[in-house]
Amino acid sequence: MAIRILLVDDHSVVRQGLRMFLSLDAELDVTGEAADGVEAVEMARQLKPDVVLMDLLMPRMDGITAIAAIRRELPDTEVIALTSVLEDEKVVGAIKAGAIGYLLKDTQADELCRAIKAAAAGQVQLSPQAAARLMREVRAPDSPEQLTGRETDVLRMLAQGLSNKEIAQALIIGEKTVKTHVSNILAKLGVPSRTQAALYAVRIGLVSLSGESAHYG
């Protein structure tokens, strides 16, 4: 099954370029396009894509507001923020709204494809630098609902960058069960994205970020 993607950008030439790049990969399928945040939310409702590539600066409704709306309504749809410049404020806003990651618009095509596949697989990719920057800004709750032992295991693996499939194999459970655990973790922590759950895991010392790891941006 190809990964279903919704492209959101107010510049048609950007959408055309992205569509062209992504069409070269048989595992990716661009199922729709939107030119602003309002359209993005409407299209996401209709298409229920696996991944949304979301521009942040758009008319009618900006990308951060659209990310929050999509994540609220469609928790199974992951969103990657697309940005022209790596501004802390925009990155933090996107992650707070529920984006699983962020990419610069000048990202190479192969890196973009990898990031989309990682997002669809539920992989959180944070470098120590990105995590440190986000930790200062994105506040996880101080007293969330207690996680079960199994949920804690899932959170630890999620924060280590494992995909749903890898977590399922490690715990000898189904991928659907992993997704259910992740949904429960997000609800208990009161956060909209896996990335924020991973930051919480780092903050409480469940995992440590050492060395370099791949990340969006």
N, C-alpha and C. Protein backbone atom coordinates (compact mmCIF):
# COMPACT_ATOMS: atom_id res chain seq x y z
N MET A 1 0.84 -1.21 0.00
CA MET A 1 0.00 0.00 0.00
C MET A 1 0.87 1.25 0.00
N ALA A 2 0.65 2.10 -0.99
CA ALA A 2 1.42 3.34 -1.06
C ALA A 2 0.99 4.29 0.08
N ILE A 3 1.92 5.12 0.51
CA ILE A 3 1.64 6.12 1.54
C ILE A 3 0.89 7.28 0.89
N ARG A 4 -0.28 7.61 1.42
CA ARG A 4 -1.14 8.64 0.83
C ARG A 4 -0.78 10.00 1.40
N ILE A 5 -0.50 10.95 0.52
CA ILE A 5 0.04 12.25 0.94
C ILE A 5 -0.87 13.39 0.47
N LEU A 6 -1.06 14.37 1.36
CA LEU A 6 -1.74 15.62 1.00
C LEU A 6 -0.69 16.73 1.02
N LEU A 7 -0.57 17.47 -0.10
CA LEU A 7 0.38 18.58 -0.20
C LEU A 7 -0.35 19.89 0.08
N VAL A 8 0.20 20.70 0.97
CA VAL A 8 -0.43 21.98 1.30
C VAL A 8 0.60 23.10 1.16
N ASP A 9 0.36 23.98 0.19
CA ASP A 9 1.23 25.15 -0.02
C ASP A 9 0.47 26.16 -0.86
N ASP A 10 0.64 27.45 -0.56
CA ASP A 10 -0.13 28.44 -1.31
C ASP A 10 0.51 28.77 -2.66
N HIS A 11 1.69 28.22 -2.94
CA HIS A 11 2.32 28.43 -4.24
C HIS A 11 2.17 27.17 -5.10
N SER A 12 1.47 27.31 -6.21
CA SER A 12 1.21 26.13 -7.06
C SER A 12 2.51 25.54 -7.61
N VAL A 13 3.52 26.39 -7.86
CA VAL A 13 4.77 25.88 -8.41
C VAL A 13 5.48 24.98 -7.38
N VAL A 14 5.35 25.30 -6.10
CA VAL A 14 5.93 24.46 -5.05
C VAL A 14 5.21 23.11 -5.01
N ARG A 15 3.89 23.16 -5.07
CA ARG A 15 3.11 21.90 -5.06
C ARG A 15 3.46 21.05 -6.28
N GLN A 16 3.60 21.68 -7.44
CA GLN A 16 3.95 20.92 -8.66
C GLN A 16 5.31 20.26 -8.51
N GLY A 17 6.27 21.02 -7.96
CA GLY A 17 7.62 20.47 -7.77
C GLY A 17 7.61 19.29 -6.82
N LEU A 18 6.89 19.45 -5.71
CA LEU A 18 6.79 18.36 -4.73
C LEU A 18 6.12 17.13 -5.34
N ARG A 19 5.04 17.36 -6.07
CA ARG A 19 4.31 16.25 -6.70
C ARG A 19 5.23 15.50 -7.66
N MET A 20 6.03 16.27 -8.42
CA MET A 20 6.95 15.66 -9.39
C MET A 20 7.99 14.79 -8.69
N PHE A 21 8.61 15.34 -7.63
CA PHE A 21 9.60 14.56 -6.86
C PHE A 21 8.99 13.28 -6.32
N LEU A 22 7.84 13.45 -5.66
CA LEU A 22 7.24 12.33 -4.94
C LEU A 22 6.70 11.26 -5.87
N SER A 23 6.29 11.65 -7.08
CA SER A 23 5.74 10.67 -8.03
C SER A 23 6.79 9.69 -8.52
N LEU A 24 8.06 10.03 -8.32
CA LEU A 24 9.15 9.14 -8.76
C LEU A 24 9.31 7.94 -7.82
N ASP A 25 8.69 8.02 -6.65
CA ASP A 25 8.80 6.93 -5.67
C ASP A 25 7.49 6.15 -5.65
N ALA A 26 7.56 4.88 -6.02
CA ALA A 26 6.36 4.04 -6.13
C ALA A 26 5.65 3.84 -4.79
N GLU A 27 6.37 4.06 -3.69
CA GLU A 27 5.77 3.85 -2.36
C GLU A 27 4.96 5.06 -1.89
N LEU A 28 5.02 6.16 -2.67
CA LEU A 28 4.33 7.40 -2.28
C LEU A 28 3.26 7.75 -3.30
N ASP A 29 2.11 8.23 -2.80
CA ASP A 29 1.00 8.58 -3.68
C ASP A 29 0.40 9.91 -3.23
N VAL A 30 0.57 10.96 -4.05
CA VAL A 30 -0.01 12.26 -3.72
C VAL A 30 -1.50 12.20 -4.07
N THR A 31 -2.34 12.20 -3.05
CA THR A 31 -3.78 12.02 -3.29
C THR A 31 -4.53 13.34 -3.35
N GLY A 32 -3.88 14.44 -2.96
CA GLY A 32 -4.58 15.72 -3.01
C GLY A 32 -3.65 16.89 -2.76
N GLU A 33 -4.14 18.10 -3.09
CA GLU A 33 -3.40 19.34 -2.87
C GLU A 33 -4.34 20.38 -2.28
N ALA A 34 -3.78 21.28 -1.47
CA ALA A 34 -4.56 22.38 -0.92
C ALA A 34 -3.69 23.64 -0.95
N ALA A 35 -4.34 24.79 -1.14
CA ALA A 35 -3.61 26.05 -1.29
C ALA A 35 -3.62 26.93 -0.04
N ASP A 36 -4.37 26.53 0.98
CA ASP A 36 -4.35 27.27 2.24
C ASP A 36 -4.82 26.36 3.37
N GLY A 37 -4.76 26.87 4.59
CA GLY A 37 -5.09 26.05 5.75
C GLY A 37 -6.52 25.56 5.80
N VAL A 38 -7.45 26.41 5.38
CA VAL A 38 -8.86 26.02 5.38
C VAL A 38 -9.09 24.84 4.45
N GLU A 39 -8.53 24.97 3.23
CA GLU A 39 -8.62 23.87 2.24
C GLU A 39 -7.93 22.62 2.78
N ALA A 40 -6.82 22.81 3.46
CA ALA A 40 -6.05 21.67 3.98
C ALA A 40 -6.89 20.84 4.94
N VAL A 41 -7.59 21.52 5.84
CA VAL A 41 -8.42 20.81 6.83
C VAL A 41 -9.57 20.09 6.11
N GLU A 42 -10.20 20.78 5.15
CA GLU A 42 -11.31 20.16 4.39
C GLU A 42 -10.84 18.94 3.61
N MET A 43 -9.70 19.09 2.92
CA MET A 43 -9.16 17.98 2.11
C MET A 43 -8.74 16.81 3.00
N ALA A 44 -8.14 17.12 4.15
CA ALA A 44 -7.71 16.05 5.06
C ALA A 44 -8.92 15.26 5.55
N ARG A 45 -10.02 15.97 5.86
CA ARG A 45 -11.25 15.29 6.29
C ARG A 45 -11.73 14.32 5.21
N GLN A 46 -11.72 14.80 3.97
CA GLN A 46 -12.21 13.98 2.85
C GLN A 46 -11.29 12.80 2.55
N LEU A 47 -9.98 13.07 2.46
CA LEU A 47 -9.03 12.08 1.96
C LEU A 47 -8.44 11.18 3.04
N LYS A 48 -8.43 11.68 4.29
CA LYS A 48 -7.79 10.94 5.40
C LYS A 48 -6.41 10.41 4.99
N PRO A 49 -5.50 11.32 4.61
CA PRO A 49 -4.17 10.89 4.16
C PRO A 49 -3.34 10.32 5.30
N ASP A 50 -2.28 9.61 4.94
CA ASP A 50 -1.35 9.10 5.96
C ASP A 50 -0.46 10.22 6.47
N VAL A 51 -0.02 11.08 5.52
CA VAL A 51 0.91 12.16 5.86
C VAL A 51 0.49 13.44 5.14
N VAL A 52 0.54 14.56 5.86
CA VAL A 52 0.31 15.88 5.26
C VAL A 52 1.63 16.65 5.28
N LEU A 53 2.02 17.19 4.12
CA LEU A 53 3.16 18.11 4.06
C LEU A 53 2.58 19.52 4.13
N MET A 54 2.85 20.23 5.21
CA MET A 54 2.14 21.48 5.50
C MET A 54 3.05 22.70 5.49
N ASP A 55 2.81 23.60 4.53
CA ASP A 55 3.47 24.90 4.55
C ASP A 55 2.97 25.66 5.78
N LEU A 56 3.78 26.55 6.32
CA LEU A 56 3.37 27.25 7.54
C LEU A 56 2.79 28.64 7.29
N LEU A 57 3.28 29.32 6.26
CA LEU A 57 2.80 30.68 5.98
C LEU A 57 1.83 30.66 4.82
N MET A 58 0.54 30.79 5.12
CA MET A 58 -0.49 30.73 4.07
C MET A 58 -1.64 31.66 4.41
N PRO A 59 -2.40 32.07 3.38
CA PRO A 59 -3.58 32.92 3.64
C PRO A 59 -4.74 32.13 4.27
N ARG A 60 -5.74 32.87 4.73
CA ARG A 60 -6.98 32.33 5.32
C ARG A 60 -6.76 31.59 6.64
N MET A 61 -5.90 30.60 6.64
CA MET A 61 -5.56 29.91 7.89
C MET A 61 -4.11 29.48 7.77
N ASP A 62 -3.29 29.84 8.76
CA ASP A 62 -1.87 29.47 8.66
C ASP A 62 -1.68 27.98 8.95
N GLY A 63 -0.48 27.50 8.62
CA GLY A 63 -0.20 26.08 8.74
C GLY A 63 -0.27 25.54 10.16
N ILE A 64 0.16 26.35 11.13
CA ILE A 64 0.16 25.88 12.52
C ILE A 64 -1.27 25.64 13.02
N THR A 65 -2.17 26.57 12.68
CA THR A 65 -3.59 26.39 13.06
C THR A 65 -4.17 25.16 12.36
N ALA A 66 -3.81 24.98 11.09
CA ALA A 66 -4.31 23.83 10.32
C ALA A 66 -3.78 22.51 10.89
N ILE A 67 -2.50 22.51 11.30
CA ILE A 67 -1.92 21.30 11.89
C ILE A 67 -2.72 20.90 13.14
N ALA A 68 -2.99 21.88 14.00
CA ALA A 68 -3.73 21.60 15.23
C ALA A 68 -5.11 21.02 14.93
N ALA A 69 -5.80 21.60 13.93
CA ALA A 69 -7.15 21.14 13.57
C ALA A 69 -7.11 19.71 13.02
N ILE A 70 -6.14 19.43 12.16
CA ILE A 70 -6.04 18.09 11.55
C ILE A 70 -5.70 17.05 12.62
N ARG A 71 -4.74 17.37 13.49
CA ARG A 71 -4.35 16.40 14.52
C ARG A 71 -5.50 16.13 15.50
N ARG A 72 -6.30 17.16 15.76
CA ARG A 72 -7.44 17.00 16.67
C ARG A 72 -8.48 16.06 16.07
N GLU A 73 -8.75 16.23 14.77
CA GLU A 73 -9.79 15.44 14.11
C GLU A 73 -9.31 14.10 13.58
N LEU A 74 -8.04 14.05 13.14
CA LEU A 74 -7.52 12.86 12.46
C LEU A 74 -6.22 12.40 13.12
N PRO A 75 -6.32 11.79 14.29
CA PRO A 75 -5.09 11.42 15.02
C PRO A 75 -4.20 10.42 14.29
N ASP A 76 -4.74 9.70 13.30
CA ASP A 76 -3.92 8.74 12.55
C ASP A 76 -3.15 9.40 11.41
N THR A 77 -3.44 10.66 11.13
CA THR A 77 -2.74 11.38 10.07
C THR A 77 -1.57 12.14 10.68
N GLU A 78 -0.36 11.86 10.21
CA GLU A 78 0.82 12.57 10.71
C GLU A 78 1.09 13.79 9.82
N VAL A 79 1.60 14.85 10.41
CA VAL A 79 1.86 16.09 9.67
C VAL A 79 3.33 16.46 9.77
N ILE A 80 3.93 16.78 8.62
CA ILE A 80 5.30 17.32 8.59
C ILE A 80 5.20 18.78 8.18
N ALA A 81 5.76 19.66 8.99
CA ALA A 81 5.75 21.09 8.67
C ALA A 81 6.83 21.38 7.64
N LEU A 82 6.47 22.17 6.64
CA LEU A 82 7.42 22.61 5.60
C LEU A 82 7.67 24.09 5.80
N THR A 83 8.91 24.48 5.90
CA THR A 83 9.20 25.87 6.17
C THR A 83 10.37 26.37 5.32
N SER A 84 10.35 27.64 4.98
CA SER A 84 11.43 28.22 4.17
C SER A 84 12.65 28.53 5.02
N VAL A 85 12.41 28.96 6.25
CA VAL A 85 13.52 29.28 7.16
C VAL A 85 13.28 28.60 8.49
N LEU A 86 14.37 28.19 9.11
CA LEU A 86 14.28 27.43 10.36
C LEU A 86 14.19 28.40 11.53
N GLU A 87 13.01 28.98 11.71
CA GLU A 87 12.79 29.89 12.83
C GLU A 87 12.32 29.09 14.04
N ASP A 88 12.98 29.31 15.17
CA ASP A 88 12.60 28.59 16.39
C ASP A 88 11.10 28.70 16.68
N GLU A 89 10.59 29.91 16.54
CA GLU A 89 9.19 30.17 16.88
C GLU A 89 8.24 29.31 16.04
N LYS A 90 8.55 29.22 14.73
CA LYS A 90 7.69 28.45 13.82
C LYS A 90 7.83 26.94 14.10
N VAL A 91 9.05 26.50 14.29
CA VAL A 91 9.29 25.08 14.56
C VAL A 91 8.57 24.66 15.84
N VAL A 92 8.75 25.45 16.89
CA VAL A 92 8.12 25.15 18.18
C VAL A 92 6.60 25.18 18.04
N GLY A 93 6.08 26.19 17.31
CA GLY A 93 4.64 26.29 17.09
C GLY A 93 4.09 25.07 16.38
N ALA A 94 4.82 24.60 15.36
CA ALA A 94 4.38 23.42 14.59
C ALA A 94 4.38 22.17 15.46
N ILE A 95 5.43 21.99 16.26
CA ILE A 95 5.51 20.81 17.13
C ILE A 95 4.44 20.87 18.22
N LYS A 96 4.24 22.06 18.79
CA LYS A 96 3.18 22.21 19.80
C LYS A 96 1.82 21.87 19.21
N ALA A 97 1.61 22.25 17.95
CA ALA A 97 0.31 22.00 17.29
C ALA A 97 0.11 20.52 16.98
N GLY A 98 1.21 19.76 16.92
CA GLY A 98 1.06 18.32 16.70
C GLY A 98 1.83 17.75 15.52
N ALA A 99 2.70 18.54 14.90
CA ALA A 99 3.52 18.01 13.80
C ALA A 99 4.50 16.98 14.34
N ILE A 100 4.75 15.93 13.56
CA ILE A 100 5.71 14.91 13.98
C ILE A 100 7.13 15.37 13.65
N GLY A 101 7.24 16.32 12.71
CA GLY A 101 8.57 16.81 12.34
C GLY A 101 8.47 18.04 11.47
N TYR A 102 9.62 18.54 11.06
CA TYR A 102 9.64 19.72 10.21
C TYR A 102 10.77 19.59 9.20
N LEU A 103 10.57 20.16 8.04
CA LEU A 103 11.57 20.12 6.97
C LEU A 103 11.72 21.49 6.34
N LEU A 104 12.91 21.78 5.90
CA LEU A 104 13.12 22.99 5.12
C LEU A 104 12.73 22.71 3.67
N LYS A 105 12.23 23.75 2.99
CA LYS A 105 11.77 23.56 1.61
C LYS A 105 12.90 23.20 0.65
N ASP A 106 14.14 23.49 1.03
CA ASP A 106 15.25 23.14 0.13
C ASP A 106 15.82 21.74 0.42
N THR A 107 15.09 20.96 1.21
CA THR A 107 15.49 19.57 1.50
C THR A 107 15.61 18.78 0.19
N GLN A 108 16.61 17.93 0.11
CA GLN A 108 16.78 17.08 -1.07
C GLN A 108 15.61 16.10 -1.19
N ALA A 109 15.29 15.75 -2.44
CA ALA A 109 14.12 14.89 -2.71
C ALA A 109 14.20 13.56 -1.96
N ASP A 110 15.39 12.93 -1.93
CA ASP A 110 15.50 11.62 -1.28
C ASP A 110 15.29 11.74 0.23
N GLU A 111 15.77 12.86 0.80
CA GLU A 111 15.58 13.07 2.24
C GLU A 111 14.10 13.32 2.56
N LEU A 112 13.45 14.04 1.67
CA LEU A 112 12.01 14.30 1.83
C LEU A 112 11.23 12.99 1.82
N CYS A 113 11.55 12.13 0.86
CA CYS A 113 10.86 10.82 0.76
C CYS A 113 11.10 9.99 2.03
N ARG A 114 12.34 10.01 2.51
CA ARG A 114 12.65 9.26 3.74
C ARG A 114 11.86 9.79 4.93
N ALA A 115 11.76 11.12 5.02
CA ALA A 115 11.04 11.73 6.14
C ALA A 115 9.56 11.37 6.11
N ILE A 116 8.98 11.35 4.90
CA ILE A 116 7.56 11.00 4.76
C ILE A 116 7.33 9.54 5.18
N LYS A 117 8.23 8.66 4.74
CA LYS A 117 8.10 7.24 5.09
C LYS A 117 8.27 7.03 6.60
N ALA A 118 9.20 7.78 7.20
CA ALA A 118 9.41 7.68 8.64
C ALA A 118 8.17 8.16 9.40
N ALA A 119 7.59 9.27 8.94
CA ALA A 119 6.38 9.81 9.60
C ALA A 119 5.23 8.81 9.49
N ALA A 120 5.06 8.23 8.31
CA ALA A 120 3.97 7.25 8.10
C ALA A 120 4.16 6.02 8.98
N ALA A 121 5.43 5.68 9.26
CA ALA A 121 5.73 4.52 10.10
C ALA A 121 5.68 4.87 11.59
N GLY A 122 5.41 6.16 11.89
CA GLY A 122 5.30 6.58 13.29
C GLY A 122 6.63 6.86 13.94
N GLN A 123 7.67 7.10 13.13
CA GLN A 123 8.99 7.34 13.70
C GLN A 123 9.20 8.80 14.05
N VAL A 124 9.60 9.03 15.28
CA VAL A 124 9.99 10.37 15.71
C VAL A 124 11.49 10.49 15.47
N GLN A 125 11.92 11.55 14.79
CA GLN A 125 13.34 11.72 14.52
C GLN A 125 13.79 13.07 15.07
N LEU A 126 14.51 13.02 16.16
CA LEU A 126 14.99 14.25 16.80
C LEU A 126 16.50 14.18 16.99
N SER A 127 17.20 15.18 16.55
CA SER A 127 18.62 15.25 16.87
C SER A 127 18.74 15.82 18.28
N PRO A 128 19.86 15.58 18.97
CA PRO A 128 20.04 16.18 20.29
C PRO A 128 19.87 17.70 20.27
N GLN A 129 20.36 18.33 19.20
CA GLN A 129 20.24 19.80 19.11
C GLN A 129 18.77 20.22 19.01
N ALA A 130 18.03 19.55 18.15
CA ALA A 130 16.61 19.89 17.97
C ALA A 130 15.85 19.64 19.27
N ALA A 131 16.16 18.51 19.91
CA ALA A 131 15.46 18.17 21.15
C ALA A 131 15.75 19.21 22.23
N ALA A 132 17.03 19.61 22.34
CA ALA A 132 17.40 20.59 23.36
C ALA A 132 16.65 21.90 23.15
N ARG A 133 16.54 22.30 21.90
CA ARG A 133 15.85 23.55 21.58
C ARG A 133 14.36 23.43 21.90
N LEU A 134 13.77 22.30 21.55
CA LEU A 134 12.34 22.10 21.77
C LEU A 134 12.01 21.91 23.25
N MET A 135 12.93 21.26 23.97
CA MET A 135 12.70 20.99 25.40
C MET A 135 12.50 22.29 26.17
N ARG A 136 13.21 23.33 25.74
CA ARG A 136 13.11 24.61 26.44
C ARG A 136 11.75 25.25 26.24
N GLU A 137 11.14 24.95 25.09
CA GLU A 137 9.92 25.64 24.69
C GLU A 137 8.64 24.83 24.87
N VAL A 138 8.74 23.54 24.56
CA VAL A 138 7.54 22.69 24.58
C VAL A 138 7.43 22.03 25.94
N ARG A 139 6.45 22.45 26.68
CA ARG A 139 6.29 21.94 28.04
C ARG A 139 5.34 20.76 28.09
N ALA A 140 5.84 19.63 28.49
CA ALA A 140 4.96 18.49 28.74
C ALA A 140 4.38 18.65 30.14
N PRO A 141 3.27 17.98 30.45
CA PRO A 141 2.64 18.14 31.76
C PRO A 141 3.54 17.64 32.89
N ASP A 142 3.46 18.28 34.05
CA ASP A 142 4.27 17.85 35.19
C ASP A 142 3.67 16.65 35.90
N SER A 143 2.35 16.53 35.85
CA SER A 143 1.73 15.39 36.53
C SER A 143 0.68 14.74 35.63
N PRO A 144 1.15 14.05 34.59
CA PRO A 144 0.21 13.38 33.69
C PRO A 144 -0.40 12.16 34.38
N GLU A 145 -1.44 11.63 33.74
CA GLU A 145 -2.00 10.37 34.24
C GLU A 145 -0.92 9.30 34.20
N GLN A 146 -0.98 8.39 35.12
CA GLN A 146 0.03 7.33 35.20
C GLN A 146 -0.03 6.43 33.97
N LEU A 147 1.13 6.18 33.37
CA LEU A 147 1.20 5.24 32.25
C LEU A 147 1.34 3.83 32.81
N THR A 148 0.78 2.86 32.09
CA THR A 148 0.98 1.46 32.48
C THR A 148 2.42 1.05 32.11
N GLY A 149 2.83 -0.09 32.60
CA GLY A 149 4.17 -0.60 32.28
C GLY A 149 4.36 -0.77 30.78
N ARG A 150 3.35 -1.30 30.12
CA ARG A 150 3.44 -1.52 28.67
C ARG A 150 3.49 -0.19 27.92
N GLU A 151 2.68 0.77 28.36
CA GLU A 151 2.70 2.10 27.73
C GLU A 151 4.07 2.77 27.91
N THR A 152 4.67 2.57 29.07
CA THR A 152 6.00 3.13 29.32
C THR A 152 7.02 2.51 28.37
N ASP A 153 6.92 1.19 28.15
CA ASP A 153 7.81 0.51 27.20
C ASP A 153 7.65 1.09 25.80
N VAL A 154 6.40 1.28 25.38
CA VAL A 154 6.11 1.82 24.05
C VAL A 154 6.66 3.24 23.94
N LEU A 155 6.45 4.05 24.97
CA LEU A 155 6.94 5.44 24.95
C LEU A 155 8.46 5.47 24.85
N ARG A 156 9.13 4.60 25.59
CA ARG A 156 10.60 4.56 25.56
C ARG A 156 11.08 4.25 24.13
N MET A 157 10.49 3.25 23.51
CA MET A 157 10.91 2.84 22.16
C MET A 157 10.58 3.92 21.12
N LEU A 158 9.39 4.53 21.29
CA LEU A 158 8.98 5.62 20.40
C LEU A 158 10.01 6.76 20.47
N ALA A 159 10.42 7.08 21.70
CA ALA A 159 11.37 8.18 21.89
C ALA A 159 12.76 7.83 21.36
N GLN A 160 13.03 6.54 21.25
CA GLN A 160 14.32 6.11 20.70
C GLN A 160 14.30 6.09 19.16
N GLY A 161 13.14 6.46 18.59
CA GLY A 161 13.05 6.56 17.13
C GLY A 161 12.61 5.28 16.42
N LEU A 162 12.07 4.31 17.18
CA LEU A 162 11.60 3.08 16.55
C LEU A 162 10.27 3.31 15.85
N SER A 163 10.05 2.58 14.77
CA SER A 163 8.78 2.67 14.05
C SER A 163 7.74 1.80 14.76
N ASN A 164 6.48 1.97 14.37
CA ASN A 164 5.41 1.13 14.94
C ASN A 164 5.73 -0.35 14.75
N LYS A 165 6.21 -0.67 13.55
CA LYS A 165 6.51 -2.07 13.21
C LYS A 165 7.62 -2.62 14.12
N GLU A 166 8.66 -1.81 14.32
CA GLU A 166 9.78 -2.25 15.17
C GLU A 166 9.35 -2.42 16.62
N ILE A 167 8.49 -1.52 17.09
CA ILE A 167 7.98 -1.63 18.46
C ILE A 167 7.13 -2.90 18.59
N ALA A 168 6.29 -3.14 17.58
CA ALA A 168 5.44 -4.34 17.58
C ALA A 168 6.28 -5.61 17.65
N GLN A 169 7.35 -5.65 16.85
CA GLN A 169 8.23 -6.83 16.83
C GLN A 169 8.93 -7.02 18.17
N ALA A 170 9.40 -5.90 18.75
CA ALA A 170 10.14 -5.98 20.01
C ALA A 170 9.25 -6.46 21.16
N LEU A 171 8.00 -6.03 21.15
CA LEU A 171 7.09 -6.37 22.26
C LEU A 171 6.19 -7.57 21.94
N ILE A 172 6.37 -8.10 20.73
CA ILE A 172 5.57 -9.26 20.25
C ILE A 172 4.08 -8.96 20.35
N ILE A 173 3.69 -7.83 19.78
CA ILE A 173 2.28 -7.45 19.70
C ILE A 173 2.01 -6.95 18.28
N GLY A 174 0.75 -6.72 17.94
CA GLY A 174 0.40 -6.25 16.60
C GLY A 174 0.64 -4.75 16.45
N GLU A 175 0.81 -4.31 15.20
CA GLU A 175 1.01 -2.88 14.94
C GLU A 175 -0.21 -2.06 15.38
N LYS A 176 -1.40 -2.63 15.22
CA LYS A 176 -2.62 -1.92 15.63
C LYS A 176 -2.61 -1.70 17.14
N THR A 177 -2.11 -2.69 17.86
CA THR A 177 -2.02 -2.57 19.32
C THR A 177 -1.04 -1.47 19.70
N VAL A 178 0.07 -1.38 18.95
CA VAL A 178 1.04 -0.30 19.20
C VAL A 178 0.37 1.05 19.01
N LYS A 179 -0.40 1.19 17.92
CA LYS A 179 -1.09 2.46 17.65
C LYS A 179 -2.08 2.80 18.77
N THR A 180 -2.75 1.79 19.28
CA THR A 180 -3.68 2.01 20.40
C THR A 180 -2.93 2.49 21.63
N HIS A 181 -1.80 1.85 21.92
CA HIS A 181 -0.98 2.28 23.07
C HIS A 181 -0.53 3.73 22.88
N VAL A 182 -0.09 4.07 21.66
CA VAL A 182 0.38 5.44 21.39
C VAL A 182 -0.76 6.44 21.61
N SER A 183 -1.96 6.10 21.12
CA SER A 183 -3.13 6.98 21.32
C SER A 183 -3.39 7.19 22.81
N ASN A 184 -3.30 6.10 23.58
CA ASN A 184 -3.52 6.20 25.02
C ASN A 184 -2.45 7.05 25.69
N ILE A 185 -1.20 6.89 25.24
CA ILE A 185 -0.08 7.68 25.80
C ILE A 185 -0.31 9.16 25.54
N LEU A 186 -0.66 9.52 24.29
CA LEU A 186 -0.89 10.92 23.95
C LEU A 186 -2.04 11.51 24.79
N ALA A 187 -3.09 10.70 24.96
CA ALA A 187 -4.25 11.16 25.75
C ALA A 187 -3.85 11.39 27.21
N LYS A 188 -3.09 10.45 27.78
CA LYS A 188 -2.70 10.56 29.19
C LYS A 188 -1.73 11.72 29.43
N LEU A 189 -0.83 11.93 28.46
CA LEU A 189 0.13 13.03 28.60
C LEU A 189 -0.49 14.37 28.22
N GLY A 190 -1.63 14.31 27.51
CA GLY A 190 -2.28 15.54 27.09
C GLY A 190 -1.50 16.28 26.01
N VAL A 191 -0.83 15.50 25.13
CA VAL A 191 -0.06 16.11 24.03
C VAL A 191 -0.61 15.61 22.69
N PRO A 192 -0.46 16.43 21.61
CA PRO A 192 -1.06 16.04 20.33
C PRO A 192 -0.17 15.21 19.41
N SER A 193 1.12 15.02 19.76
CA SER A 193 1.99 14.33 18.80
C SER A 193 2.98 13.41 19.49
N ARG A 194 3.47 12.47 18.68
CA ARG A 194 4.51 11.55 19.16
C ARG A 194 5.78 12.31 19.54
N THR A 195 6.06 13.36 18.79
CA THR A 195 7.27 14.14 19.05
C THR A 195 7.23 14.74 20.45
N GLN A 196 6.07 15.30 20.84
CA GLN A 196 5.97 15.86 22.19
C GLN A 196 6.02 14.77 23.25
N ALA A 197 5.47 13.60 22.95
CA ALA A 197 5.56 12.48 23.90
C ALA A 197 7.02 12.06 24.06
N ALA A 198 7.77 12.07 22.96
CA ALA A 198 9.20 11.72 23.01
C ALA A 198 9.98 12.74 23.84
N LEU A 199 9.64 14.03 23.68
CA LEU A 199 10.31 15.07 24.47
C LEU A 199 10.04 14.87 25.96
N TYR A 200 8.81 14.46 26.27
CA TYR A 200 8.46 14.19 27.67
C TYR A 200 9.32 13.03 28.20
N ALA A 201 9.50 11.99 27.36
CA ALA A 201 10.30 10.83 27.78
C ALA A 201 11.74 11.24 28.07
N VAL A 202 12.27 12.16 27.26
CA VAL A 202 13.62 12.67 27.49
C VAL A 202 13.65 13.47 28.79
N ARG A 203 12.64 14.29 28.98
CA ARG A 203 12.60 15.20 30.13
C ARG A 203 12.55 14.43 31.46
N ILE A 204 11.83 13.30 31.49
CA ILE A 204 11.73 12.55 32.75
C ILE A 204 12.85 11.51 32.88
N GLY A 205 13.76 11.49 31.87
CA GLY A 205 14.91 10.60 31.96
C GLY A 205 14.63 9.17 31.52
N LEU A 206 13.51 8.95 30.83
CA LEU A 206 13.18 7.61 30.34
C LEU A 206 14.15 7.20 29.23
N VAL A 207 14.56 8.16 28.44
CA VAL A 207 15.60 7.93 27.43
C VAL A 207 16.56 9.12 27.49
N SER A 208 17.78 8.89 27.02
CA SER A 208 18.71 10.01 26.93
C SER A 208 19.07 10.20 25.47
N LEU A 209 19.27 11.43 25.08
CA LEU A 209 19.68 11.74 23.72
C LEU A 209 21.18 11.96 23.72
N SER A 210 21.88 10.98 23.17
CA SER A 210 23.33 11.14 23.09
C SER A 210 23.75 10.87 21.66
N GLY A 211 24.75 11.61 21.20
CA GLY A 211 25.24 11.41 19.85
C GLY A 211 24.29 11.99 18.83
N GLU A 212 24.62 11.78 17.58
CA GLU A 212 23.83 12.34 16.48
C GLU A 212 22.77 11.34 16.05
N SER A 213 21.61 11.84 15.71
CA SER A 213 20.60 11.01 15.07
C SER A 213 19.92 11.85 14.00
N ALA A 214 19.33 11.17 13.04
CA ALA A 214 18.67 11.90 11.95
C ALA A 214 17.49 12.68 12.47
N HIS A 215 17.16 13.76 11.84
CA HIS A 215 15.96 14.51 12.22
C HIS A 215 15.47 15.33 11.06
N TYR A 216 14.28 15.85 11.18
CA TYR A 216 13.71 16.69 10.14
C TYR A 216 14.31 18.07 10.28
N GLY A 217 14.72 18.65 9.17
CA GLY A 217 15.29 19.98 9.19
C GLY A 217 16.78 19.88 9.00
